[in-house]
PDB file of N, CA and C in Angstrom:
ATOM      1  N   MET A   1      75.627-180.012  99.749  1.00  0.00           N
ATOM      2  CA  MET A   1      76.264-180.988 100.149  1.00  0.00           C
ATOM      3  C   MET A   1      76.584-182.012  99.006  1.00  0.00           C
ATOM      4  N   LEU A   2      75.822-181.816  98.122  1.00  0.00           N
ATOM      5  CA  LEU A   2      76.634-182.221  96.715  1.00  0.00           C
ATOM      6  C   LEU A   2      77.967-181.922  96.089  1.00  0.00           C
ATOM      7  N   VAL A   3      77.893-180.591  96.437  1.00  0.00           N
ATOM      8  CA  VAL A   3      79.066-179.822  95.908  1.00  0.00           C
ATOM      9  C   VAL A   3      80.552-180.608  96.724  1.00  0.00           C
ATOM     10  N   THR A   4      80.040-180.538  98.196  1.00  0.00           N
ATOM     11  CA  THR A   4      81.166-181.045  99.120  1.00  0.00           C
ATOM     12  C   THR A   4      81.707-182.342  98.680  1.00  0.00           C
ATOM     13  N   VAL A   5      80.674-183.253  98.465  1.00  0.00           N
ATOM     14  CA  VAL A   5      80.907-184.679  98.323  1.00  0.00           C
ATOM     15  C   VAL A   5      81.737-184.944  97.026  1.00  0.00           C
ATOM     16  N   TRP A   6      81.138-184.107  95.721  1.00  0.00           N
ATOM     17  CA  TRP A   6      81.868-184.050  94.568  1.00  0.00           C
ATOM     18  C   TRP A   6      83.119-183.619  94.840  1.00  0.00           C
ATOM     19  N   LEU A   7      83.660-182.535  95.249  1.00  0.00           N
ATOM     20  CA  LEU A   7      85.125-182.179  95.401  1.00  0.00           C
ATOM     21  C   LEU A   7      85.841-182.950  96.531  1.00  0.00           C
ATOM     22  N   THR A   8      85.233-183.508  97.305  1.00  0.00           N
ATOM     23  CA  THR A   8      86.163-184.501  98.054  1.00  0.00           C
ATOM     24  C   THR A   8      86.496-185.343  97.220  1.00  0.00           C
ATOM     25  N   ILE A   9      85.438-186.413  96.307  1.00  0.00           N
ATOM     26  CA  ILE A   9      85.920-187.411  95.907  1.00  0.00           C
ATOM     27  C   ILE A   9      86.570-186.821  94.602  1.00  0.00           C
ATOM     28  N   ASN A  10      86.727-185.898  94.112  1.00  0.00           N
ATOM     29  CA  ASN A  10      87.495-185.394  93.133  1.00  0.00           C
ATOM     30  C   ASN A  10      88.889-185.282  93.524  1.00  0.00           C
ATOM     31  N   GLU A  11      89.331-184.578  95.116  1.00  0.00           N
ATOM     32  CA  GLU A  11      90.393-184.677  95.417  1.00  0.00           C
ATOM     33  C   GLU A  11      91.026-186.383  95.526  1.00  0.00           C
ATOM     34  N   LEU A  12      90.173-187.098  96.198  1.00  0.00           N
ATOM     35  CA  LEU A  12      90.853-188.137  96.726  1.00  0.00           C
ATOM     36  C   LEU A  12      90.972-188.779  95.440  1.00  0.00           C
ATOM     37  N   ILE A  13      90.370-188.796  93.940  1.00  0.00           N
ATOM     38  CA  ILE A  13      91.295-189.592  93.053  1.00  0.00           C
ATOM     39  C   ILE A  13      92.478-188.860  92.285  1.00  0.00           C
ATOM     40  N   SER A  14      92.260-187.469  92.745  1.00  0.00           N
ATOM     41  CA  SER A  14      93.663-186.677  92.557  1.00  0.00           C
ATOM     42  C   SER A  14      94.629-187.175  93.312  1.00  0.00           C
ATOM     43  N   VAL A  15      94.708-187.337  94.032  1.00  0.00           N
ATOM     44  CA  VAL A  15      95.750-188.183  94.984  1.00  0.00           C
ATOM     45  C   VAL A  15      96.197-189.468  95.030  1.00  0.00           C
ATOM     46  N   MET A  16      95.091-190.376  94.467  1.00  0.00           N
ATOM     47  CA  MET A  16      95.080-191.820  93.659  1.00  0.00           C
ATOM     48  C   MET A  16      96.016-191.322  92.756  1.00  0.00           C
ATOM     49  N   GLU A  17      95.646-190.225  91.775  1.00  0.00           N
ATOM     50  CA  GLU A  17      96.645-190.317  90.200  1.00  0.00           C
ATOM     51  C   GLU A  17      97.982-189.783  90.809  1.00  0.00           C
ATOM     52  N   ASN A  18      98.255-189.185  91.731  1.00  0.00           N
ATOM     53  CA  ASN A  18      99.541-188.683  92.085  1.00  0.00           C
ATOM     54  C   ASN A  18     100.472-189.954  92.803  1.00  0.00           C
ATOM     55  N   LEU A  19      99.940-190.485  93.530  1.00  0.00           N
ATOM     56  CA  LEU A  19     100.686-191.410  94.156  1.00  0.00           C
ATOM     57  C   LEU A  19     101.115-192.550  92.758  1.00  0.00           C
ATOM     58  N   ALA A  20     100.171-192.712  91.926  1.00  0.00           N
ATOM     59  CA  ALA A  20     100.740-193.631  90.920  1.00  0.00           C
ATOM     60  C   ALA A  20     101.546-193.281  90.403  1.00  0.00           C
ATOM     61  N   ALA A  21     101.837-191.957  89.778  1.00  0.00           N
ATOM     62  CA  ALA A  21     102.688-191.330  89.130  1.00  0.00           C
ATOM     63  C   ALA A  21     104.144-191.201  89.643  1.00  0.00           C
ATOM     64  N   ILE A  22     104.240-190.931  90.965  1.00  0.00           N
ATOM     65  CA  ILE A  22     105.396-191.359  91.813  1.00  0.00           C
ATOM     66  C   ILE A  22     105.654-192.586  92.167  1.00  0.00           C
ATOM     67  N   GLY A  23     105.137-193.849  91.702  1.00  0.00           N
ATOM     68  CA  GLY A  23     105.430-195.013  91.695  1.00  0.00           C
ATOM     69  C   GLY A  23     104.754-196.058  92.931  1.00  0.00           C
ATOM     70  N   VAL A  24     104.061-195.212  93.732  1.00  0.00           N
ATOM     71  CA  VAL A  24     103.264-195.853  95.078  1.00  0.00           C
ATOM     72  C   VAL A  24     102.157-196.982  94.350  1.00  0.00           C
ATOM     73  N   PRO A  25     102.464-198.436  94.718  1.00  0.00           N
ATOM     74  CA  PRO A  25     101.264-199.187  94.312  1.00  0.00           C
ATOM     75  C   PRO A  25      99.793-198.512  94.262  1.00  0.00           C
ATOM     76  N   GLY A  26      99.207-198.805  93.324  1.00  0.00           N
ATOM     77  CA  GLY A  26      97.665-198.217  93.211  1.00  0.00           C
ATOM     78  C   GLY A  26      96.846-199.251  93.950  1.00  0.00           C
ATOM     79  N   PHE A  27      95.522-198.481  93.986  1.00  0.00           N
ATOM     80  CA  PHE A  27      94.488-199.326  94.463  1.00  0.00           C
ATOM     81  C   PHE A  27      93.306-199.130  93.383  1.00  0.00           C
ATOM     82  N   PRO A  28      93.546-199.904  92.467  1.00  0.00           N
ATOM     83  CA  PRO A  28      92.670-199.688  91.048  1.00  0.00           C
ATOM     84  C   PRO A  28      91.277-200.240  91.656  1.00  0.00           C
ATOM     85  N   ARG A  29      90.837-200.763  92.795  1.00  0.00           N
ATOM     86  CA  ARG A  29      89.280-201.055  93.065  1.00  0.00           C
ATOM     87  C   ARG A  29      88.817-199.758  93.585  1.00  0.00           C
ATOM     88  N   LEU A  30      89.779-199.368  94.735  1.00  0.00           N
ATOM     89  CA  LEU A  30      89.112-197.848  95.179  1.00  0.00           C
ATOM     90  C   LEU A  30      89.099-196.772  94.184  1.00  0.00           C
ATOM     91  N   GLN A  31      90.004-196.776  93.166  1.00  0.00           N
ATOM     92  CA  GLN A  31      89.964-195.780  92.151  1.00  0.00           C
ATOM     93  C   GLN A  31      88.553-195.938  91.357  1.00  0.00           C
ATOM     94  N   ARG A  32      88.294-197.364  90.858  1.00  0.00           N
ATOM     95  CA  ARG A  32      87.057-197.535  90.056  1.00  0.00           C
ATOM     96  C   ARG A  32      85.606-197.101  90.941  1.00  0.00           C
ATOM     97  N   ILE A  33      85.737-197.077  92.732  1.00  0.00           N
ATOM     98  CA  ILE A  33      84.516-196.694  93.591  1.00  0.00           C
ATOM     99  C   ILE A  33      84.574-195.453  93.263  1.00  0.00           C
ATOM    100  N   LEU A  34      85.724-194.612  93.555  1.00  0.00           N
ATOM    101  CA  LEU A  34      85.601-193.374  93.558  1.00  0.00           C
ATOM    102  C   LEU A  34      85.033-192.618  92.184  1.00  0.00           C
ATOM    103  N   ARG A  35      85.400-193.150  91.432  1.00  0.00           N
ATOM    104  CA  ARG A  35      85.123-192.593  89.985  1.00  0.00           C
ATOM    105  C   ARG A  35      83.720-192.568  89.716  1.00  0.00           C
ATOM    106  N   ARG A  36      82.918-193.915  90.386  1.00  0.00           N
ATOM    107  CA  ARG A  36      81.735-194.459  90.108  1.00  0.00           C
ATOM    108  C   ARG A  36      80.929-193.378  91.240  1.00  0.00           C
ATOM    109  N   LEU A  37      81.199-192.953  92.159  1.00  0.00           N
ATOM    110  CA  LEU A  37      80.744-192.185  93.042  1.00  0.00           C
ATOM    111  C   LEU A  37      80.771-190.759  92.390  1.00  0.00           C
ATOM    112  N   ARG A  38      81.695-190.417  91.638  1.00  0.00           N
ATOM    113  CA  ARG A  38      81.862-188.939  91.200  1.00  0.00           C
ATOM    114  C   ARG A  38      80.827-189.042  90.246  1.00  0.00           C
ATOM    115  N   ARG A  39      80.587-189.975  89.232  1.00  0.00           N
ATOM    116  CA  ARG A  39      79.509-189.894  88.456  1.00  0.00           C
ATOM    117  C   ARG A  39      77.933-189.814  88.800  1.00  0.00           C
ATOM    118  N   THR A  40      78.212-190.863  89.896  1.00  0.00           N
ATOM    119  CA  THR A  40      76.437-190.798  90.619  1.00  0.00           C
ATOM    120  C   THR A  40      76.449-189.504  91.407  1.00  0.00           C
ATOM    121  N   VAL A  41      77.286-188.751  91.739  1.00  0.00           N
ATOM    122  CA  VAL A  41      76.943-187.304  92.360  1.00  0.00           C
ATOM    123  C   VAL A  41      76.752-186.473  91.575  1.00  0.00           C
ATOM    124  N   ALA A  42      77.383-186.561  90.204  1.00  0.00           N
ATOM    125  CA  ALA A  42      77.392-185.432  88.992  1.00  0.00           C
ATOM    126  C   ALA A  42      76.082-185.831  88.418  1.00  0.00           C
ATOM    127  N   ASP A  43      75.714-186.805  88.308  1.00  0.00           N
ATOM    128  CA  ASP A  43      73.948-187.195  87.667  1.00  0.00           C
ATOM    129  C   ASP A  43      73.152-186.866  88.701  1.00  0.00           C
ATOM    130  N   GLU A  44      73.236-186.993  90.049  1.00  0.00           N
ATOM    131  CA  GLU A  44      72.053-186.574  90.928  1.00  0.00           C
ATOM    132  C   GLU A  44      72.129-184.835  91.030  1.00  0.00           C
ATOM    133  N   SER A  45      73.173-184.074  90.896  1.00  0.00           N
ATOM    134  CA  SER A  45      73.302-182.781  90.786  1.00  0.00           C
ATOM    135  C   SER A  45      72.790-182.037  89.543  1.00  0.00           C
ATOM    136  N   GLY A  46      73.019-182.921  88.310  1.00  0.00           N
ATOM    137  CA  GLY A  46      72.681-182.583  87.005  1.00  0.00           C
ATOM    138  C   GLY A  46      73.736-181.758  86.396  1.00  0.00           C
ATOM    139  N   ALA A  47      75.106-181.905  86.723  1.00  0.00           N
ATOM    140  CA  ALA A  47      76.195-181.394  86.480  1.00  0.00           C
ATOM    141  C   ALA A  47      76.842-182.503  85.483  1.00  0.00           C
ATOM    142  N   SER A  48      77.490-182.001  84.367  1.00  0.00           N
ATOM    143  CA  SER A  48      78.417-182.891  83.915  1.00  0.00           C
ATOM    144  C   SER A  48      79.723-183.386  84.232  1.00  0.00           C
ATOM    145  N   ASP A  49      80.095-184.480  83.975  1.00  0.00           N
ATOM    146  CA  ASP A  49      81.675-184.672  84.620  1.00  0.00           C
ATOM    147  C   ASP A  49      82.636-184.328  83.485  1.00  0.00           C
ATOM    148  N   GLU A  50      83.314-183.342  83.909  1.00  0.00           N
ATOM    149  CA  GLU A  50      84.547-182.782  82.495  1.00  0.00           C
ATOM    150  C   GLU A  50      85.636-183.609  82.728  1.00  0.00           C
ATOM    151  N   LYS A  51      86.053-184.418  83.604  1.00  0.00           N
ATOM    152  CA  LYS A  51      87.022-184.945  83.620  1.00  0.00           C
ATOM    153  C   LYS A  51      87.005-186.401  83.498  1.00  0.00           C
ATOM    154  N   GLU A  52      85.893-186.911  82.664  1.00  0.00           N
ATOM    155  CA  GLU A  52      85.536-188.032  82.373  1.00  0.00           C
ATOM    156  C   GLU A  52      86.817-188.958  81.634  1.00  0.00           C
ATOM    157  N   GLU A  53      87.279-189.923  82.013  1.00  0.00           N
ATOM    158  CA  GLU A  53      88.222-190.604  81.131  1.00  0.00           C
ATOM    159  C   GLU A  53      87.649-192.015  80.531  1.00  0.00           C
TER     160      GLU A  53
END
């Protein structure tokens, strides 16, 4: 379950980054929430977050 949630969060972050790259107005609050969720899931699973910015 944690893997599924982690992958989903990563994909959502990727979509947000791609939208920002093509000039669509961003959602910085949503992006911060997704990054926090990704860290939380990684901490719960014991995995390290490789794409930390």
